[in-house]
Structures are given as structure tokens and as C-alpha cells.
Amino acid sequence: MEAVDNDIPPSAPFRVSGFPTIKFKKAGTRDFIDYNGDRSLENLIAFVHENAKNSLDTPTENTPPPSQEPLAEERPHDEL
């Protein structure tokens, strides 16, 4: 979130006292983890890998793409 353009609500479970501030919210939790490391891409990626709950594996070329079934509003009416 760009804090300069957005207000942090008073009910937020954290405070921001300086910029840049990087916080990570692990899936399925309400807790935020502060990132205090180097701002290099490699260190940011390592931080996410260390703290992510879900798999971060990217599909390989042999992985079939997800189904591209059209949404109901895109299908002809006789298919609904």
C-alpha cells in the first residue's frame, strides 16, 4: 500500500513510523511481520520465501495452463 496516498485506519494492528516500511502478512493469519533487511530484490525474495505459508513455485513449461472457460456473461445464452 502506498501510505502517502492512503490513510492507515486507526484500527490497523500496526503503526508506520518511517518510510519505506515493508510489512508482510502471512496467508491465514492476522499478524504482520516487519521486514528490516536489505532492500535488494534478492533479499526481499528470500524474505518472502522464508515467511510464505503457501507454495511460491512457479509453473514450468510442461504445466498445462489453467482452464480458460468463459464466464457466464461471455457465453451464448443457449449454453446457460
C-alpha atoms as a PDB file:
ATOM      1  CA  MET A   1       0.000   0.000   0.000  1.00  0.00           C
ATOM      2  CA  GLU A   2       1.273   3.438  -0.791  1.00  0.00           C
ATOM      3  CA  ALA A   3       0.895   5.071   2.637  1.00  0.00           C
ATOM      4  CA  VAL A   4       1.497   8.576   1.312  1.00  0.00           C
ATOM      5  CA  ASP A   5      -1.684   8.326  -0.783  1.00  0.00           C
ATOM      6  CA  ASN A   6      -3.698   6.208   1.683  1.00  0.00           C
ATOM      7  CA  ASP A   7      -4.553   6.610   5.341  1.00  0.00           C
ATOM      8  CA  ILE A   8      -3.856   3.715   7.664  1.00  0.00           C
ATOM      9  CA  PRO A   9      -7.015   3.204   9.703  1.00  0.00           C
ATOM     10  CA  PRO A  10      -6.685   3.620  13.479  1.00  0.00           C
ATOM     11  CA  SER A  11      -7.896   0.017  13.850  1.00  0.00           C
ATOM     12  CA  ALA A  12      -4.855  -1.349  11.957  1.00  0.00           C
ATOM     13  CA  PRO A  13      -2.818  -3.707  14.157  1.00  0.00           C
ATOM     14  CA  PHE A  14       0.408  -1.809  13.409  1.00  0.00           C
ATOM     15  CA  ARG A  15       1.875   1.649  13.110  1.00  0.00           C
ATOM     16  CA  VAL A  16       4.176   3.075  10.462  1.00  0.00           C
ATOM     17  CA  SER A  17       6.779   5.487  11.746  1.00  0.00           C
ATOM     18  CA  GLY A  18       9.118   5.764   8.769  1.00  0.00           C
ATOM     19  CA  PHE A  19       9.360   5.183   5.061  1.00  0.00           C
ATOM     20  CA  PRO A  20       9.877   2.843   3.388  1.00  0.00           C
ATOM     21  CA  THR A  21       8.192   0.401   5.740  1.00  0.00           C
ATOM     22  CA  ILE A  22       7.633  -3.117   4.493  1.00  0.00           C
ATOM     23  CA  LYS A  23       5.202  -5.412   6.282  1.00  0.00           C
ATOM     24  CA  PHE A  24       4.301  -8.967   5.283  1.00  0.00           C
ATOM     25  CA  LYS A  25       1.011 -10.680   6.158  1.00  0.00           C
ATOM     26  CA  LYS A  26       1.201 -14.451   6.075  1.00  0.00           C
ATOM     27  CA  ALA A  27      -1.852 -16.145   4.498  1.00  0.00           C
ATOM     28  CA  GLY A  28      -4.383 -17.318   7.066  1.00  0.00           C
ATOM     29  CA  THR A  29      -3.076 -15.115   9.877  1.00  0.00           C
ATOM     30  CA  ARG A  30      -3.798 -11.678  11.239  1.00  0.00           C
ATOM     31  CA  ASP A  31      -0.170 -10.994  12.134  1.00  0.00           C
ATOM     32  CA  PHE A  32       2.163  -8.709  10.223  1.00  0.00           C
ATOM     33  CA  ILE A  33       5.880  -9.415  10.022  1.00  0.00           C
ATOM     34  CA  ASP A  34       8.235  -6.446   9.805  1.00  0.00           C
ATOM     35  CA  TYR A  35      10.894  -6.581   7.108  1.00  0.00           C
ATOM     36  CA  ASN A  36      14.089  -4.983   8.324  1.00  0.00           C
ATOM     37  CA  GLY A  37      16.525  -6.394   5.800  1.00  0.00           C
ATOM     38  CA  ASP A  38      18.382  -5.031   2.845  1.00  0.00           C
ATOM     39  CA  ARG A  39      16.160  -3.582   0.098  1.00  0.00           C
ATOM     40  CA  SER A  40      17.759  -5.654  -2.655  1.00  0.00           C
ATOM     41  CA  LEU A  41      15.470  -7.791  -4.783  1.00  0.00           C
ATOM     42  CA  GLU A  42      17.306 -10.959  -3.770  1.00  0.00           C
ATOM     43  CA  ASN A  43      16.834 -10.277  -0.051  1.00  0.00           C
ATOM     44  CA  LEU A  44      13.175  -9.337  -0.483  1.00  0.00           C
ATOM     45  CA  ILE A  45      12.540 -12.573  -2.399  1.00  0.00           C
ATOM     46  CA  ALA A  46      14.364 -14.599   0.266  1.00  0.00           C
ATOM     47  CA  PHE A  47      12.257 -12.942   2.995  1.00  0.00           C
ATOM     48  CA  VAL A  48       9.020 -13.839   1.201  1.00  0.00           C
ATOM     49  CA  HIS A  49      10.186 -17.431   0.650  1.00  0.00           C
ATOM     50  CA  GLU A  50      11.099 -17.761   4.333  1.00  0.00           C
ATOM     51  CA  ASN A  51       7.764 -16.411   5.566  1.00  0.00           C
ATOM     52  CA  ALA A  52       5.230 -17.518   2.946  1.00  0.00           C
ATOM     53  CA  LYS A  53       2.674 -20.087   4.034  1.00  0.00           C
ATOM     54  CA  ASN A  54       1.686 -21.127   0.504  1.00  0.00           C
ATOM     55  CA  SER A  55       3.910 -22.550  -2.201  1.00  0.00           C
ATOM     56  CA  LEU A  56       5.720 -19.999  -4.314  1.00  0.00           C
ATOM     57  CA  ASP A  57       6.702 -22.467  -7.018  1.00  0.00           C
ATOM     58  CA  THR A  58       6.112 -21.127 -10.497  1.00  0.00           C
ATOM     59  CA  PRO A  59       4.600 -23.322 -13.192  1.00  0.00           C
ATOM     60  CA  THR A  60       7.029 -24.978 -15.587  1.00  0.00           C
ATOM     61  CA  GLU A  61       6.676 -25.049 -19.350  1.00  0.00           C
ATOM     62  CA  ASN A  62       5.178 -28.557 -19.059  1.00  0.00           C
ATOM     63  CA  THR A  63       2.423 -27.413 -16.698  1.00  0.00           C
ATOM     64  CA  PRO A  64      -0.874 -27.018 -18.559  1.00  0.00           C
ATOM     65  CA  PRO A  65      -2.431 -23.540 -18.284  1.00  0.00           C
ATOM     66  CA  PRO A  66      -5.495 -23.096 -16.058  1.00  0.00           C
ATOM     67  CA  SER A  67      -8.885 -23.638 -17.670  1.00  0.00           C
ATOM     68  CA  GLN A  68      -9.939 -20.712 -19.792  1.00  0.00           C
ATOM     69  CA  GLU A  69     -13.674 -21.450 -19.637  1.00  0.00           C
ATOM     70  CA  PRO A  70     -15.576 -18.250 -20.482  1.00  0.00           C
ATOM     71  CA  LEU A  71     -17.537 -16.520 -17.740  1.00  0.00           C
ATOM     72  CA  ALA A  72     -21.325 -16.979 -17.804  1.00  0.00           C
ATOM     73  CA  GLU A  73     -21.860 -13.475 -19.179  1.00  0.00           C
ATOM     74  CA  GLU A  74     -19.461 -14.251 -22.065  1.00  0.00           C
ATOM     75  CA  ARG A  75     -21.180 -17.493 -23.126  1.00  0.00           C
ATOM     76  CA  PRO A  76     -24.005 -17.564 -25.672  1.00  0.00           C
ATOM     77  CA  HIS A  77     -27.422 -17.642 -23.978  1.00  0.00           C
ATOM     78  CA  ASP A  78     -28.199 -21.163 -25.239  1.00  0.00           C
ATOM     79  CA  GLU A  79     -25.270 -22.519 -23.180  1.00  0.00           C
ATOM     80  CA  LEU A  80     -26.539 -21.078 -19.894  1.00  0.00           C
END
